[in-house]
Amino acid sequence: MIHPSHGVKIYMATKPVDFRKGHDGLAALVQSHLQKKPFDGAVYVFRAKRADRLKLIFWDGSGLVMAYKRLEQNQFKWPAIKDGVMRLDPPQFEALFAGLDWRRVTARAIRPPAAAE
């Protein structure tokens, strides 16, 4: 399981990409289609035409890392297919990567205590 820290930005391309692309091809897509910088430390998630596959790339400071995941029996929950990019928070990304419905993950509003005990 991949667990990005809370300071890491996570972007998901909403349109399927050619999954024959490798590190350089996906980095080029980040730059040209998503209008982002592929070497800024953010995680970029891509979907295939088949909803059971995803790839992600990120720059770890010394090289470009690519991960690929295929679900054996289910499909990932994806947003509607259109040109664009969505931002995910780390818990949503973890749910997506686990094959769960990331749209159901919401942050709880936690109020600070009114007084110390």
Protein backbone atom coordinates (compact mmCIF):
# COMPACT_ATOMS: atom_id res chain seq x y z
CA MET A 1 0.00 0.00 0.00
CA ILE A 2 1.19 3.49 -0.78
CA HIS A 3 0.57 6.09 1.94
CA PRO A 4 1.36 9.66 0.84
CA SER A 5 1.90 12.15 3.63
CA HIS A 6 -0.69 14.82 4.26
CA GLY A 7 1.47 17.49 2.65
CA VAL A 8 1.61 15.70 -0.72
CA LYS A 9 -0.72 16.86 -3.47
CA ILE A 10 -2.48 14.12 -5.42
CA TYR A 11 -3.97 14.72 -8.86
CA MET A 12 -6.10 12.31 -10.86
CA ALA A 13 -6.50 12.60 -14.63
CA THR A 14 -10.17 12.04 -15.43
CA LYS A 15 -9.67 10.92 -19.03
CA PRO A 16 -8.23 7.45 -19.79
CA VAL A 17 -4.67 7.35 -21.15
CA ASP A 18 -2.73 4.92 -23.33
CA PHE A 19 -1.32 2.44 -20.82
CA ARG A 20 1.63 1.61 -23.05
CA LYS A 21 3.15 4.88 -21.88
CA GLY A 22 6.00 4.67 -19.41
CA HIS A 23 7.67 7.18 -17.09
CA ASP A 24 8.53 9.74 -19.76
CA GLY A 25 5.22 9.47 -21.62
CA LEU A 26 3.18 9.98 -18.47
CA ALA A 27 5.41 12.86 -17.34
CA ALA A 28 4.81 14.48 -20.74
CA LEU A 29 1.03 14.07 -20.23
CA VAL A 30 1.27 15.72 -16.83
CA GLN A 31 2.99 18.69 -18.42
CA SER A 32 0.97 19.00 -21.63
CA HIS A 33 -2.57 17.90 -20.73
CA LEU A 34 -2.80 18.45 -16.98
CA GLN A 35 -0.77 21.69 -17.08
CA LYS A 36 1.23 20.61 -14.00
CA LYS A 37 4.92 20.06 -13.29
CA PRO A 38 5.75 16.33 -13.18
CA PHE A 39 8.83 16.86 -10.99
CA ASP A 40 7.17 18.88 -8.21
CA GLY A 41 6.71 15.96 -5.80
CA ALA A 42 2.97 15.55 -6.39
CA VAL A 43 1.43 12.16 -7.17
CA TYR A 44 -0.31 11.86 -10.55
CA VAL A 45 -2.87 9.08 -11.02
CA PHE A 46 -3.96 7.82 -14.46
CA ARG A 47 -6.68 5.42 -15.50
CA ALA A 48 -6.84 3.00 -18.41
CA LYS A 49 -9.82 2.49 -20.69
CA ARG A 50 -10.49 -0.64 -18.67
CA ALA A 51 -11.61 0.53 -15.24
CA ASP A 52 -9.63 -2.18 -13.43
CA ARG A 53 -6.19 -0.57 -13.97
CA LEU A 54 -4.36 2.50 -12.73
CA LYS A 55 -0.86 3.93 -12.99
CA LEU A 56 0.70 6.62 -10.92
CA ILE A 57 3.91 8.57 -11.15
CA PHE A 58 5.73 10.84 -8.74
CA TRP A 59 9.16 12.39 -8.32
CA ASP A 60 10.82 11.21 -5.09
CA GLY A 61 13.76 13.59 -5.23
CA SER A 62 16.15 11.24 -6.99
CA GLY A 63 14.05 9.76 -9.78
CA LEU A 64 10.63 9.35 -11.33
CA VAL A 65 8.67 6.49 -9.74
CA MET A 66 5.89 4.68 -11.57
CA ALA A 67 3.47 2.21 -10.01
CA TYR A 68 0.86 0.06 -11.76
CA LYS A 69 -2.08 -1.72 -10.19
CA ARG A 70 -4.66 -4.07 -11.69
CA LEU A 71 -7.62 -5.27 -9.66
CA GLU A 72 -8.30 -8.96 -10.17
CA GLN A 73 -12.05 -9.10 -9.55
CA ASN A 74 -13.41 -5.57 -9.34
CA GLN A 75 -13.06 -2.17 -10.95
CA PHE A 76 -11.79 1.11 -9.57
CA LYS A 77 -14.40 3.79 -8.97
CA TRP A 78 -13.62 6.60 -11.40
CA PRO A 79 -15.22 10.01 -11.98
CA ALA A 80 -17.04 10.69 -15.23
CA ILE A 81 -14.75 10.58 -18.29
CA LYS A 82 -13.88 14.10 -19.43
CA ASP A 83 -10.80 16.19 -20.03
CA GLY A 84 -9.43 17.51 -16.81
CA VAL A 85 -7.82 16.79 -13.50
CA MET A 86 -9.18 16.27 -9.99
CA ARG A 87 -7.44 16.74 -6.68
CA LEU A 88 -7.67 13.95 -4.11
CA ASP A 89 -6.74 14.11 -0.46
CA PRO A 90 -4.57 11.28 0.98
CA PRO A 91 -7.47 9.28 2.50
CA GLN A 92 -9.37 9.41 -0.81
CA PHE A 93 -6.25 8.25 -2.65
CA GLU A 94 -5.73 5.36 -0.22
CA ALA A 95 -9.36 4.27 -0.73
CA LEU A 96 -8.98 4.49 -4.53
CA PHE A 97 -5.73 2.51 -4.47
CA ALA A 98 -7.37 -0.16 -2.29
CA GLY A 99 -10.23 -0.51 -4.80
CA LEU A 100 -12.78 1.13 -2.51
CA ASP A 101 -15.22 3.90 -3.40
CA TRP A 102 -13.09 6.98 -2.71
CA ARG A 103 -16.13 9.24 -3.18
CA ARG A 104 -17.48 8.05 0.18
CA VAL A 105 -14.37 9.14 2.10
CA THR A 106 -14.80 12.48 3.82
CA ALA A 107 -12.78 14.23 6.48
CA ARG A 108 -14.36 14.61 9.88
CA ALA A 109 -14.66 18.08 11.28
CA ILE A 110 -12.89 18.02 14.64
CA ARG A 111 -13.28 20.97 16.95
CA PRO A 112 -10.48 21.84 19.32
CA PRO A 113 -11.42 21.57 23.00
CA ALA A 114 -12.84 24.70 24.60
CA ALA A 115 -10.71 24.35 27.73
CA ALA A 116 -7.90 22.19 29.02
CA GLU A 117 -8.75 19.70 31.74
